[in-house]
């Protein structure tokens, strides 16, 4: 039984290594059509009035390209920011960092998010993403049931835009 498990692990590692080796090199510029999902804390921090609530958010998630191995596929991320709930809806701003399997990172700013849709732009990058520029839009992939735990949030987005590397 131990040999079966060991051989299964070895096979899995070989498949993963082959997939990583076959991934196309990142083009210097191009379109981005990605998906991301987030989960994390969005607890109320301050109740201003019956109609206004302010809070912070700290989320972790993933970014992936539906074209496996495409630009920005299989990245992990963390976001921080703040939000306001009012009769006009939910508005938030934040920053996110994403890292790939090699540890190269990119920093993204989300200057506008209203009711789940908004804009984003690249701020900085390390390694292969150094000097990255560009941006785009995001919108909810679909409506999900509320998070099971109060003060938590779960969301998935369709992300589109462009990027350019030096």
Foldseek 3Di string as FASTA:
>chain_A
DVVVVVVVVVVVVVVVVVLVVPQDPADQKDKDWKKKKKKWFWAFDDDPDPFKTKTKIKIKIFIAGPVPSYPRHTKIKIKIWMWMGGPQAIWIWIKMKIADPVGKIWIKTFHTAGNAKGKMWTDAIDDPCGAKTKIFMKHFPDDDDADPDPRMGMTMITGIIMMGHD
